[in-house]
């Protein structure tokens, strides 16, 4: 189970929330809250069975349990990118995904001819679109 604190004053709520291991984040934007809950839900859906002791790893910097493995995070990020760019039918989807995870959104310019024009335009111009949220969440998890 994960708990999120949705508030106006992030700093003051982070002070008390960091003491509770089940509090995953303190957020001030509803879109971020929805995105994080959706990601947690998707991670739980991809898991088979209950949480095993080997998949729970301690986060040294926060003293919290991280109930998702690197493999789960990578799979979730890939699925989010596939949906954001509508890549289900593309043969080169793995290449595009790898490039995005390694080099960020700017690497999309290599695939402009391969993607649908409206999807490419949205993915390269939106600051808080599905693609950017997926990449941001993946990178944040890698740094934890």
C-alpha atoms as a PDB file:
ATOM      1  CA  UNK A   1       0.000   0.000   0.000  1.00  0.00           C
ATOM      2  CA  UNK A   2       1.220   3.497  -0.862  1.00  0.00           C
ATOM      3  CA  UNK A   3       0.162   6.800   0.624  1.00  0.00           C
ATOM      4  CA  UNK A   4       0.450  10.125  -1.159  1.00  0.00           C
ATOM      5  CA  UNK A   5       0.031  13.513   0.477  1.00  0.00           C
ATOM      6  CA  UNK A   6      -1.785  15.961  -1.794  1.00  0.00           C
ATOM      7  CA  UNK A   7      -1.387  19.476  -0.426  1.00  0.00           C
ATOM      8  CA  UNK A   8      -0.628  23.125  -1.090  1.00  0.00           C
ATOM      9  CA  UNK A   9       2.498  23.512   1.062  1.00  0.00           C
ATOM     10  CA  UNK A  10       4.877  20.779  -0.077  1.00  0.00           C
ATOM     11  CA  UNK A  11       7.866  21.681   2.121  1.00  0.00           C
ATOM     12  CA  UNK A  12       6.072  21.669   5.458  1.00  0.00           C
ATOM     13  CA  UNK A  13       4.256  18.434   4.649  1.00  0.00           C
ATOM     14  CA  UNK A  14       7.474  16.738   3.517  1.00  0.00           C
ATOM     15  CA  UNK A  15       8.948  17.381   6.970  1.00  0.00           C
ATOM     16  CA  UNK A  16       6.442  15.157   8.740  1.00  0.00           C
ATOM     17  CA  UNK A  17       5.726  12.766   5.859  1.00  0.00           C
ATOM     18  CA  UNK A  18       9.336  11.571   5.587  1.00  0.00           C
ATOM     19  CA  UNK A  19       8.880   9.836   8.963  1.00  0.00           C
ATOM     20  CA  UNK A  20       6.336   7.392   7.516  1.00  0.00           C
ATOM     21  CA  UNK A  21       7.548   4.577   5.298  1.00  0.00           C
ATOM     22  CA  UNK A  22       4.261   4.181   3.447  1.00  0.00           C
ATOM     23  CA  UNK A  23       4.201   7.809   2.286  1.00  0.00           C
ATOM     24  CA  UNK A  24       5.600   7.591  -1.243  1.00  0.00           C
ATOM     25  CA  UNK A  25       5.400  11.277  -2.176  1.00  0.00           C
ATOM     26  CA  UNK A  26       4.138  14.712  -1.281  1.00  0.00           C
ATOM     27  CA  UNK A  27       2.627  16.368  -4.350  1.00  0.00           C
ATOM     28  CA  UNK A  28       1.006  19.702  -5.099  1.00  0.00           C
ATOM     29  CA  UNK A  29      -0.327  19.021  -8.599  1.00  0.00           C
ATOM     30  CA  UNK A  30      -3.268  16.724  -9.230  1.00  0.00           C
ATOM     31  CA  UNK A  31      -1.775  15.500 -12.533  1.00  0.00           C
ATOM     32  CA  UNK A  32       1.352  14.315 -10.751  1.00  0.00           C
ATOM     33  CA  UNK A  33      -0.765  12.582  -8.109  1.00  0.00           C
ATOM     34  CA  UNK A  34      -2.806  10.765 -10.743  1.00  0.00           C
ATOM     35  CA  UNK A  35       0.346   9.826 -12.661  1.00  0.00           C
ATOM     36  CA  UNK A  36       2.036   8.369  -9.566  1.00  0.00           C
ATOM     37  CA  UNK A  37      -1.048   6.412  -8.512  1.00  0.00           C
ATOM     38  CA  UNK A  38      -1.450   5.068 -12.046  1.00  0.00           C
ATOM     39  CA  UNK A  39       2.208   4.011 -12.128  1.00  0.00           C
ATOM     40  CA  UNK A  40       1.900   2.213  -8.792  1.00  0.00           C
ATOM     41  CA  UNK A  41      -1.238   0.502 -10.018  1.00  0.00           C
ATOM     42  CA  UNK A  42       0.475  -0.605 -13.239  1.00  0.00           C
ATOM     43  CA  UNK A  43       3.479  -1.927 -11.328  1.00  0.00           C
ATOM     44  CA  UNK A  44       1.199  -3.948  -9.067  1.00  0.00           C
ATOM     45  CA  UNK A  45      -0.699  -5.311 -12.077  1.00  0.00           C
ATOM     46  CA  UNK A  46       2.529  -6.535 -13.690  1.00  0.00           C
ATOM     47  CA  UNK A  47       3.622  -8.369 -10.576  1.00  0.00           C
ATOM     48  CA  UNK A  48       2.637 -11.971 -10.203  1.00  0.00           C
ATOM     49  CA  UNK A  49       1.605 -12.784  -6.690  1.00  0.00           C
ATOM     50  CA  UNK A  50       2.373 -11.021  -3.422  1.00  0.00           C
ATOM     51  CA  UNK A  51       5.487  -9.006  -2.735  1.00  0.00           C
ATOM     52  CA  UNK A  52       8.416 -11.279  -2.050  1.00  0.00           C
ATOM     53  CA  UNK A  53      11.209 -10.352   0.340  1.00  0.00           C
ATOM     54  CA  UNK A  54      13.723 -10.421  -2.519  1.00  0.00           C
ATOM     55  CA  UNK A  55      11.856  -7.777  -4.500  1.00  0.00           C
ATOM     56  CA  UNK A  56      11.752  -5.306  -1.634  1.00  0.00           C
ATOM     57  CA  UNK A  57      14.970  -3.327  -1.439  1.00  0.00           C
ATOM     58  CA  UNK A  58      15.836  -0.756   1.166  1.00  0.00           C
ATOM     59  CA  UNK A  59      16.391   2.799  -0.031  1.00  0.00           C
ATOM     60  CA  UNK A  60      19.386   3.959   1.922  1.00  0.00           C
ATOM     61  CA  UNK A  61      18.737   7.648   1.395  1.00  0.00           C
ATOM     62  CA  UNK A  62      15.186   7.619   2.711  1.00  0.00           C
ATOM     63  CA  UNK A  63      15.011   4.540   4.879  1.00  0.00           C
ATOM     64  CA  UNK A  64      11.915   3.408   2.983  1.00  0.00           C
ATOM     65  CA  UNK A  65      11.078   0.185   1.214  1.00  0.00           C
ATOM     66  CA  UNK A  66      10.968   0.282  -2.556  1.00  0.00           C
ATOM     67  CA  UNK A  67       8.517  -2.446  -3.536  1.00  0.00           C
ATOM     68  CA  UNK A  68       9.404  -2.464  -7.203  1.00  0.00           C
ATOM     69  CA  UNK A  69      12.462  -3.889  -8.843  1.00  0.00           C
ATOM     70  CA  UNK A  70      14.463  -2.214 -11.570  1.00  0.00           C
ATOM     71  CA  UNK A  71      12.959  -4.686 -14.017  1.00  0.00           C
ATOM     72  CA  UNK A  72       9.427  -3.656 -13.027  1.00  0.00           C
ATOM     73  CA  UNK A  73      10.294   0.018 -13.445  1.00  0.00           C
ATOM     74  CA  UNK A  74      11.840  -0.583 -16.845  1.00  0.00           C
ATOM     75  CA  UNK A  75       8.843  -2.607 -17.993  1.00  0.00           C
ATOM     76  CA  UNK A  76       6.454   0.065 -16.756  1.00  0.00           C
ATOM     77  CA  UNK A  77       8.432   2.836 -18.468  1.00  0.00           C
ATOM     78  CA  UNK A  78       8.487   0.884 -21.733  1.00  0.00           C
ATOM     79  CA  UNK A  79       4.736   0.284 -21.596  1.00  0.00           C
ATOM     80  CA  UNK A  80       4.032   3.950 -20.851  1.00  0.00           C
ATOM     81  CA  UNK A  81       6.227   5.059 -23.767  1.00  0.00           C
ATOM     82  CA  UNK A  82       4.570   2.554 -26.106  1.00  0.00           C
ATOM     83  CA  UNK A  83       1.160   3.965 -25.171  1.00  0.00           C
ATOM     84  CA  UNK A  84       2.268   7.605 -25.296  1.00  0.00           C
ATOM     85  CA  UNK A  85       3.743   7.231 -28.787  1.00  0.00           C
ATOM     86  CA  UNK A  86       1.289   4.609 -30.033  1.00  0.00           C
ATOM     87  CA  UNK A  87       4.141   2.199 -30.844  1.00  0.00           C
ATOM     88  CA  UNK A  88       2.291  -1.101 -30.471  1.00  0.00           C
ATOM     89  CA  UNK A  89       2.602  -1.998 -34.164  1.00  0.00           C
ATOM     90  CA  UNK A  90       6.078  -0.579 -34.839  1.00  0.00           C
ATOM     91  CA  UNK A  91       8.922  -3.007 -35.522  1.00  0.00           C
ATOM     92  CA  UNK A  92      11.498  -0.514 -34.264  1.00  0.00           C
ATOM     93  CA  UNK A  93       9.692   0.236 -31.004  1.00  0.00           C
ATOM     94  CA  UNK A  94      12.448  -1.322 -28.879  1.00  0.00           C
ATOM     95  CA  UNK A  95      15.057   0.853 -30.594  1.00  0.00           C
ATOM     96  CA  UNK A  96      12.974   3.984 -30.055  1.00  0.00           C
ATOM     97  CA  UNK A  97      12.324   3.123 -26.395  1.00  0.00           C
ATOM     98  CA  UNK A  98      15.974   2.362 -25.653  1.00  0.00           C
ATOM     99  CA  UNK A  99      17.048   5.597 -27.327  1.00  0.00           C
ATOM    100  CA  UNK A 100      14.488   7.608 -25.330  1.00  0.00           C
ATOM    101  CA  UNK A 101      15.522   6.066 -22.017  1.00  0.00           C
ATOM    102  CA  UNK A 102      19.204   6.630 -22.746  1.00  0.00           C
ATOM    103  CA  UNK A 103      19.117  10.028 -24.459  1.00  0.00           C
ATOM    104  CA  UNK A 104      15.796  11.630 -23.554  1.00  0.00           C
ATOM    105  CA  UNK A 105      13.087  13.215 -25.654  1.00  0.00           C
ATOM    106  CA  UNK A 106      15.512  14.958 -28.021  1.00  0.00           C
ATOM    107  CA  UNK A 107      16.317  11.550 -29.544  1.00  0.00           C
ATOM    108  CA  UNK A 108      12.803  11.476 -31.044  1.00  0.00           C
ATOM    109  CA  UNK A 109      14.019  13.669 -33.904  1.00  0.00           C
ATOM    110  CA  UNK A 110      15.722  10.575 -35.375  1.00  0.00           C
ATOM    111  CA  UNK A 111      12.325   8.896 -35.684  1.00  0.00           C
ATOM    112  CA  UNK A 112      10.223  11.777 -37.001  1.00  0.00           C
ATOM    113  CA  UNK A 113       9.647   9.956 -40.306  1.00  0.00           C
ATOM    114  CA  UNK A 114       8.612   6.773 -38.485  1.00  0.00           C
ATOM    115  CA  UNK A 115       6.013   8.285 -36.145  1.00  0.00           C
ATOM    116  CA  UNK A 116       2.580   9.647 -36.963  1.00  0.00           C
ATOM    117  CA  UNK A 117       2.855  13.435 -37.412  1.00  0.00           C
ATOM    118  CA  UNK A 118       0.339  14.375 -34.712  1.00  0.00           C
ATOM    119  CA  UNK A 119       1.886  12.000 -32.175  1.00  0.00           C
ATOM    120  CA  UNK A 120       5.391  13.251 -32.967  1.00  0.00           C
ATOM    121  CA  UNK A 121       4.283  16.879 -32.652  1.00  0.00           C
ATOM    122  CA  UNK A 122       2.562  16.259 -29.321  1.00  0.00           C
ATOM    123  CA  UNK A 123       5.495  14.275 -27.911  1.00  0.00           C
ATOM    124  CA  UNK A 124       8.058  16.917 -28.827  1.00  0.00           C
ATOM    125  CA  UNK A 125       6.079  20.004 -27.798  1.00  0.00           C
ATOM    126  CA  UNK A 126       4.223  19.031 -24.623  1.00  0.00           C
ATOM    127  CA  UNK A 127       6.021  19.826 -21.395  1.00  0.00           C
ATOM    128  CA  UNK A 128       3.864  17.619 -19.185  1.00  0.00           C
ATOM    129  CA  UNK A 129       2.534  15.099 -21.673  1.00  0.00           C
ATOM    130  CA  UNK A 130       2.405  11.352 -21.163  1.00  0.00           C
ATOM    131  CA  UNK A 131       5.831  10.780 -22.702  1.00  0.00           C
ATOM    132  CA  UNK A 132       7.565  13.374 -20.537  1.00  0.00           C
ATOM    133  CA  UNK A 133       5.861  12.117 -17.388  1.00  0.00           C
ATOM    134  CA  UNK A 134       6.938   8.555 -18.175  1.00  0.00           C
ATOM    135  CA  UNK A 135      10.533   9.554 -18.829  1.00  0.00           C
ATOM    136  CA  UNK A 136      10.638  11.797 -15.762  1.00  0.00           C
ATOM    137  CA  UNK A 137       9.240   9.104 -13.484  1.00  0.00           C
ATOM    138  CA  UNK A 138      11.653   6.493 -14.854  1.00  0.00           C
ATOM    139  CA  UNK A 139      14.653   8.776 -14.360  1.00  0.00           C
ATOM    140  CA  UNK A 140      13.541   9.776 -10.851  1.00  0.00           C
ATOM    141  CA  UNK A 141      13.294   6.119  -9.878  1.00  0.00           C
ATOM    142  CA  UNK A 142      16.762   5.433 -11.281  1.00  0.00           C
ATOM    143  CA  UNK A 143      18.253   8.116  -9.036  1.00  0.00           C
ATOM    144  CA  UNK A 144      16.606   6.805  -5.842  1.00  0.00           C
END
